[in-house]
Amino acid sequence: IYENPVSVYAASRLGQPRVNILPADL
């Protein structure tokens, strides 16, 4: 789940600090 989350929500459940969610075109 940490390495292959199926969604933004799943990605945000594990990991400290939390995964950074940014615009894809950044």
PDB file of all heavy atoms in Angstrom:
ATOM      1  N   ILE A   1       0.832  -1.207   0.000  1.00  0.00           N
ATOM      2  CA  ILE A   1       0.000   0.000   0.000  1.00  0.00           C
ATOM      3  C   ILE A   1       0.861   1.250   0.000  1.00  0.00           C
ATOM      4  O   ILE A   1       0.532   2.250  -0.655  1.00  0.00           O
ATOM      5  CB  ILE A   1      -0.967  -0.026   1.196  1.00  0.00           C
ATOM      6  CG1 ILE A   1      -1.976  -1.163   0.995  1.00  0.00           C
ATOM      7  CG2 ILE A   1      -1.677   1.313   1.363  1.00  0.00           C
ATOM      8  CD1 ILE A   1      -2.929  -1.370   2.128  1.00  0.00           C
ATOM      9  N   TYR A   2       1.983   1.201   0.700  1.00  0.00           N
ATOM     10  CA  TYR A   2       2.882   2.357   0.713  1.00  0.00           C
ATOM     11  C   TYR A   2       3.488   2.595  -0.666  1.00  0.00           C
ATOM     12  O   TYR A   2       3.529   3.724  -1.150  1.00  0.00           O
ATOM     13  CB  TYR A   2       3.999   2.141   1.739  1.00  0.00           C
ATOM     14  CG  TYR A   2       4.968   3.304   1.847  1.00  0.00           C
ATOM     15  CD1 TYR A   2       4.679   4.393   2.663  1.00  0.00           C
ATOM     16  CD2 TYR A   2       6.161   3.322   1.122  1.00  0.00           C
ATOM     17  CE1 TYR A   2       5.550   5.470   2.759  1.00  0.00           C
ATOM     18  CE2 TYR A   2       7.033   4.388   1.208  1.00  0.00           C
ATOM     19  CZ  TYR A   2       6.729   5.459   2.035  1.00  0.00           C
ATOM     20  OH  TYR A   2       7.590   6.532   2.119  1.00  0.00           O
ATOM     21  N   GLU A   3       3.939   1.538  -1.334  1.00  0.00           N
ATOM     22  CA  GLU A   3       4.638   1.692  -2.608  1.00  0.00           C
ATOM     23  C   GLU A   3       3.713   1.750  -3.811  1.00  0.00           C
ATOM     24  O   GLU A   3       4.056   2.357  -4.827  1.00  0.00           O
ATOM     25  CB  GLU A   3       5.633   0.541  -2.794  1.00  0.00           C
ATOM     26  CG  GLU A   3       6.783   0.563  -1.791  1.00  0.00           C
ATOM     27  CD  GLU A   3       7.780  -0.558  -2.023  1.00  0.00           C
ATOM     28  OE1 GLU A   3       7.458  -1.498  -2.790  1.00  0.00           O
ATOM     29  OE2 GLU A   3       8.870  -0.497  -1.428  1.00  0.00           O
ATOM     30  N   ASN A   4       2.530   1.126  -3.700  1.00  0.00           N
ATOM     31  CA  ASN A   4       1.611   1.072  -4.845  1.00  0.00           C
ATOM     32  C   ASN A   4       0.180   1.419  -4.441  1.00  0.00           C
ATOM     33  O   ASN A   4      -0.735   0.595  -4.575  1.00  0.00           O
ATOM     34  CB  ASN A   4       1.651  -0.319  -5.495  1.00  0.00           C
ATOM     35  CG  ASN A   4       2.973  -0.607  -6.164  1.00  0.00           C
ATOM     36  OD1 ASN A   4       3.353   0.074  -7.110  1.00  0.00           O
ATOM     37  ND2 ASN A   4       3.679  -1.605  -5.660  1.00  0.00           N
ATOM     38  N   PRO A   5      -0.042   2.640  -3.928  1.00  0.00           N
ATOM     39  CA  PRO A   5      -1.415   3.019  -3.548  1.00  0.00           C
ATOM     40  C   PRO A   5      -2.298   3.135  -4.783  1.00  0.00           C
ATOM     41  O   PRO A   5      -1.833   3.547  -5.850  1.00  0.00           O
ATOM     42  CB  PRO A   5      -1.212   4.389  -2.881  1.00  0.00           C
ATOM     43  CG  PRO A   5       0.016   4.947  -3.532  1.00  0.00           C
ATOM     44  CD  PRO A   5       0.917   3.754  -3.762  1.00  0.00           C
ATOM     45  N   VAL A   6      -3.574   2.759  -4.626  1.00  0.00           N
ATOM     46  CA  VAL A   6      -4.478   2.790  -5.778  1.00  0.00           C
ATOM     47  C   VAL A   6      -5.123   4.154  -5.963  1.00  0.00           C
ATOM     48  O   VAL A   6      -5.768   4.395  -6.982  1.00  0.00           O
ATOM     49  CB  VAL A   6      -5.584   1.723  -5.635  1.00  0.00           C
ATOM     50  CG1 VAL A   6      -4.977   0.331  -5.579  1.00  0.00           C
ATOM     51  CG2 VAL A   6      -6.454   1.975  -4.401  1.00  0.00           C
ATOM     52  N   SER A   7      -4.955   5.043  -4.981  1.00  0.00           N
ATOM     53  CA  SER A   7      -5.610   6.348  -5.055  1.00  0.00           C
ATOM     54  C   SER A   7      -4.873   7.349  -4.172  1.00  0.00           C
ATOM     55  O   SER A   7      -4.015   6.979  -3.353  1.00  0.00           O
ATOM     56  CB  SER A   7      -7.071   6.246  -4.601  1.00  0.00           C
ATOM     57  OG  SER A   7      -7.131   5.901  -3.222  1.00  0.00           O
ATOM     58  N   VAL A   8      -5.235   8.625  -4.340  1.00  0.00           N
ATOM     59  CA  VAL A   8      -4.702   9.678  -3.468  1.00  0.00           C
ATOM     60  C   VAL A   8      -5.027   9.353  -2.021  1.00  0.00           C
ATOM     61  O   VAL A   8      -4.194   9.505  -1.119  1.00  0.00           O
ATOM     62  CB  VAL A   8      -5.291  11.054  -3.852  1.00  0.00           C
ATOM     63  CG1 VAL A   8      -4.958  12.101  -2.781  1.00  0.00           C
ATOM     64  CG2 VAL A   8      -4.769  11.515  -5.197  1.00  0.00           C
ATOM     65  N   TYR A   9      -6.250   8.897  -1.793  1.00  0.00           N
ATOM     66  CA  TYR A   9      -6.693   8.597  -0.431  1.00  0.00           C
ATOM     67  C   TYR A   9      -5.838   7.502   0.189  1.00  0.00           C
ATOM     68  O   TYR A   9      -5.365   7.626   1.324  1.00  0.00           O
ATOM     69  CB  TYR A   9      -8.164   8.174  -0.448  1.00  0.00           C
ATOM     70  CG  TYR A   9      -8.714   7.838   0.913  1.00  0.00           C
ATOM     71  CD1 TYR A   9      -9.163   8.844   1.763  1.00  0.00           C
ATOM     72  CD2 TYR A   9      -8.774   6.519   1.357  1.00  0.00           C
ATOM     73  CE1 TYR A   9      -9.656   8.546   3.017  1.00  0.00           C
ATOM     74  CE2 TYR A   9      -9.270   6.211   2.603  1.00  0.00           C
ATOM     75  CZ  TYR A   9      -9.715   7.227   3.436  1.00  0.00           C
ATOM     76  OH  TYR A   9     -10.191   6.932   4.682  1.00  0.00           O
ATOM     77  N   ALA A  10      -5.613   6.415  -0.536  1.00  0.00           N
ATOM     78  CA  ALA A  10      -4.797   5.317  -0.012  1.00  0.00           C
ATOM     79  C   ALA A  10      -3.368   5.767   0.225  1.00  0.00           C
ATOM     80  O   ALA A  10      -2.744   5.400   1.230  1.00  0.00           O
ATOM     81  CB  ALA A  10      -4.827   4.134  -0.973  1.00  0.00           C
ATOM     82  N   ALA A  11      -2.834   6.583  -0.669  1.00  0.00           N
ATOM     83  CA  ALA A  11      -1.455   7.072  -0.523  1.00  0.00           C
ATOM     84  C   ALA A  11      -1.292   7.903   0.738  1.00  0.00           C
ATOM     85  O   ALA A  11      -0.236   7.885   1.380  1.00  0.00           O
ATOM     86  CB  ALA A  11      -1.059   7.889  -1.749  1.00  0.00           C
ATOM     87  N   SER A  12      -2.346   8.628   1.108  1.00  0.00           N
ATOM     88  CA  SER A  12      -2.254   9.531   2.258  1.00  0.00           C
ATOM     89  C   SER A  12      -2.392   8.812   3.589  1.00  0.00           C
ATOM     90  O   SER A  12      -2.139   9.392   4.646  1.00  0.00           O
ATOM     91  CB  SER A  12      -3.328  10.619   2.159  1.00  0.00           C
ATOM     92  OG  SER A  12      -4.626  10.067   2.335  1.00  0.00           O
ATOM     93  N   ARG A  13      -2.784   7.517   3.573  1.00  0.00           N
ATOM     94  CA  ARG A  13      -2.996   6.788   4.826  1.00  0.00           C
ATOM     95  C   ARG A  13      -1.695   6.343   5.474  1.00  0.00           C
ATOM     96  O   ARG A  13      -1.642   6.159   6.686  1.00  0.00           O
ATOM     97  CB  ARG A  13      -3.857   5.547   4.579  1.00  0.00           C
ATOM     98  CG  ARG A  13      -5.298   5.798   4.236  1.00  0.00           C
ATOM     99  CD  ARG A  13      -6.033   6.527   5.336  1.00  0.00           C
ATOM    100  NE  ARG A  13      -6.230   7.934   5.013  1.00  0.00           N
ATOM    101  CZ  ARG A  13      -6.558   8.861   5.888  1.00  0.00           C
ATOM    102  NH1 ARG A  13      -6.685   8.573   7.161  1.00  0.00           N
ATOM    103  NH2 ARG A  13      -6.735  10.099   5.508  1.00  0.00           N
ATOM    104  N   LEU A  14      -0.643   6.108   4.671  1.00  0.00           N
ATOM    105  CA  LEU A  14       0.625   5.633   5.214  1.00  0.00           C
ATOM    106  C   LEU A  14       1.751   6.570   4.811  1.00  0.00           C
ATOM    107  O   LEU A  14       1.767   7.089   3.696  1.00  0.00           O
ATOM    108  CB  LEU A  14       0.949   4.220   4.706  1.00  0.00           C
ATOM    109  CG  LEU A  14       0.084   3.071   5.217  1.00  0.00           C
ATOM    110  CD1 LEU A  14       0.486   1.766   4.534  1.00  0.00           C
ATOM    111  CD2 LEU A  14       0.188   2.924   6.721  1.00  0.00           C
ATOM    112  N   GLY A  15       2.710   6.738   5.718  1.00  0.00           N
ATOM    113  CA  GLY A  15       3.903   7.521   5.413  1.00  0.00           C
ATOM    114  C   GLY A  15       3.991   8.791   6.232  1.00  0.00           C
ATOM    115  O   GLY A  15       3.023   9.542   6.342  1.00  0.00           O
ATOM    116  N   GLN A  16       5.161   8.998   6.843  1.00  0.00           N
ATOM    117  CA  GLN A  16       5.445  10.227   7.567  1.00  0.00           C
ATOM    118  C   GLN A  16       6.792  10.763   7.128  1.00  0.00           C
ATOM    119  O   GLN A  16       7.779  10.041   7.207  1.00  0.00           O
ATOM    120  CB  GLN A  16       5.458   9.972   9.090  1.00  0.00           C
ATOM    121  CG  GLN A  16       4.100   9.783   9.713  1.00  0.00           C
ATOM    122  CD  GLN A  16       3.266  11.059   9.703  1.00  0.00           C
ATOM    123  OE1 GLN A  16       3.812  12.157   9.540  1.00  0.00           O
ATOM    124  NE2 GLN A  16       1.968  10.934   9.858  1.00  0.00           N
ATOM    125  N   PRO A  17       6.848  12.013   6.630  1.00  0.00           N
ATOM    126  CA  PRO A  17       5.719  12.915   6.431  1.00  0.00           C
ATOM    127  C   PRO A  17       4.782  12.415   5.330  1.00  0.00           C
ATOM    128  O   PRO A  17       5.153  11.563   4.530  1.00  0.00           O
ATOM    129  CB  PRO A  17       6.387  14.233   6.028  1.00  0.00           C
ATOM    130  CG  PRO A  17       7.711  13.841   5.479  1.00  0.00           C
ATOM    131  CD  PRO A  17       8.136  12.621   6.225  1.00  0.00           C
ATOM    132  N   ARG A  18       3.584  12.981   5.321  1.00  0.00           N
ATOM    133  CA  ARG A  18       2.575  12.539   4.363  1.00  0.00           C
ATOM    134  C   ARG A  18       3.034  12.805   2.936  1.00  0.00           C
ATOM    135  O   ARG A  18       3.846  13.688   2.664  1.00  0.00           O
ATOM    136  CB  ARG A  18       1.255  13.278   4.594  1.00  0.00           C
ATOM    137  CG  ARG A  18       0.459  12.755   5.756  1.00  0.00           C
ATOM    138  CD  ARG A  18      -0.884  13.454   5.863  1.00  0.00           C
ATOM    139  NE  ARG A  18      -1.739  13.191   4.694  1.00  0.00           N
ATOM    140  CZ  ARG A  18      -2.997  13.575   4.604  1.00  0.00           C
ATOM    141  NH1 ARG A  18      -3.572  14.227   5.602  1.00  0.00           N
ATOM    142  NH2 ARG A  18      -3.702  13.303   3.534  1.00  0.00           N
ATOM    143  N   VAL A  19       2.489  12.012   2.017  1.00  0.00           N
ATOM    144  CA  VAL A  19       2.771  12.197   0.605  1.00  0.00           C
ATOM    145  C   VAL A  19       2.364  13.617   0.188  1.00  0.00           C
ATOM    146  O   VAL A  19       1.339  14.149   0.630  1.00  0.00           O
ATOM    147  CB  VAL A  19       2.022  11.144  -0.238  1.00  0.00           C
ATOM    148  CG1 VAL A  19       0.504  11.270  -0.073  1.00  0.00           C
ATOM    149  CG2 VAL A  19       2.428  11.209  -1.699  1.00  0.00           C
ATOM    150  N   ASN A  20       3.185  14.246  -0.626  1.00  0.00           N
ATOM    151  CA  ASN A  20       2.864  15.570  -1.171  1.00  0.00           C
ATOM    152  C   ASN A  20       1.989  15.397  -2.401  1.00  0.00           C
ATOM    153  O   ASN A  20       2.363  14.671  -3.336  1.00  0.00           O
ATOM    154  CB  ASN A  20       4.153  16.302  -1.574  1.00  0.00           C
ATOM    155  CG  ASN A  20       5.089  16.550  -0.403  1.00  0.00           C
ATOM    156  OD1 ASN A  20       4.896  17.488   0.370  1.00  0.00           O
ATOM    157  ND2 ASN A  20       6.121  15.713  -0.270  1.00  0.00           N
ATOM    158  N   ILE A  21       0.827  16.023  -2.418  1.00  0.00           N
ATOM    159  CA  ILE A  21      -0.060  15.983  -3.581  1.00  0.00           C
ATOM    160  C   ILE A  21      -0.038  17.361  -4.239  1.00  0.00           C
ATOM    161  O   ILE A  21      -0.426  18.364  -3.629  1.00  0.00           O
ATOM    162  CB  ILE A  21      -1.499  15.601  -3.185  1.00  0.00           C
ATOM    163  CG1 ILE A  21      -1.498  14.248  -2.461  1.00  0.00           C
ATOM    164  CG2 ILE A  21      -2.389  15.554  -4.417  1.00  0.00           C
ATOM    165  CD1 ILE A  21      -1.001  13.081  -3.286  1.00  0.00           C
ATOM    166  N   LEU A  22       0.422  17.400  -5.486  1.00  0.00           N
ATOM    167  CA  LEU A  22       0.658  18.652  -6.198  1.00  0.00           C
ATOM    168  C   LEU A  22       0.077  18.559  -7.609  1.00  0.00           C
ATOM    169  O   LEU A  22      -0.195  17.460  -8.100  1.00  0.00           O
ATOM    170  CB  LEU A  22       2.174  18.921  -6.283  1.00  0.00           C
ATOM    171  CG  LEU A  22       2.935  18.939  -4.951  1.00  0.00           C
ATOM    172  CD1 LEU A  22       4.419  18.734  -5.190  1.00  0.00           C
ATOM    173  CD2 LEU A  22       2.675  20.243  -4.215  1.00  0.00           C
ATOM    174  N   PRO A  23      -0.116  19.700  -8.286  1.00  0.00           N
ATOM    175  CA  PRO A  23      -0.597  19.641  -9.674  1.00  0.00           C
ATOM    176  C   PRO A  23       0.372  18.860 -10.554  1.00  0.00           C
ATOM    177  O   PRO A  23       1.595  19.034 -10.452  1.00  0.00           O
ATOM    178  CB  PRO A  23      -0.660  21.117 -10.084  1.00  0.00           C
ATOM    179  CG  PRO A  23      -0.775  21.875  -8.799  1.00  0.00           C
ATOM    180  CD  PRO A  23       0.012  21.093  -7.801  1.00  0.00           C
ATOM    181  N   ALA A  24      -0.168  18.002 -11.402  1.00  0.00           N
ATOM    182  CA  ALA A  24       0.687  17.139 -12.230  1.00  0.00           C
ATOM    183  C   ALA A  24       1.568  17.939 -13.161  1.00  0.00           C
ATOM    184  O   ALA A  24       2.681  17.508 -13.493  1.00  0.00           O
ATOM    185  CB  ALA A  24      -0.180  16.159 -13.017  1.00  0.00           C
ATOM    186  N   ASP A  25       1.096  19.120 -13.612  1.00  0.00           N
ATOM    187  CA  ASP A  25       1.881  19.912 -14.555  1.00  0.00           C
ATOM    188  C   ASP A  25       2.937  20.781 -13.881  1.00  0.00           C
ATOM    189  O   ASP A  25       3.609  21.576 -14.530  1.00  0.00           O
ATOM    190  CB  ASP A  25       0.973  20.778 -15.424  1.00  0.00           C
ATOM    191  CG  ASP A  25       0.122  21.760 -14.605  1.00  0.00           C
ATOM    192  OD1 ASP A  25       0.303  21.820 -13.360  1.00  0.00           O
ATOM    193  OD2 ASP A  25      -0.718  22.460 -15.205  1.00  0.00           O
ATOM    194  N   LEU A  26       3.085  20.613 -12.557  1.00  0.00           N
ATOM    195  CA  LEU A  26       4.127  21.367 -11.853  1.00  0.00           C
ATOM    196  C   LEU A  26       5.505  20.934 -12.343  1.00  0.00           C
ATOM    197  O   LEU A  26       6.443  21.719 -12.371  1.00  0.00           O
ATOM    198  CB  LEU A  26       4.011  21.121 -10.344  1.00  0.00           C
ATOM    199  CG  LEU A  26       4.747  22.074  -9.417  1.00  0.00           C
ATOM    200  CD1 LEU A  26       4.243  23.501  -9.570  1.00  0.00           C
ATOM    201  CD2 LEU A  26       4.595  21.622  -7.969  1.00  0.00           C
TER     202      LEU A  26
END
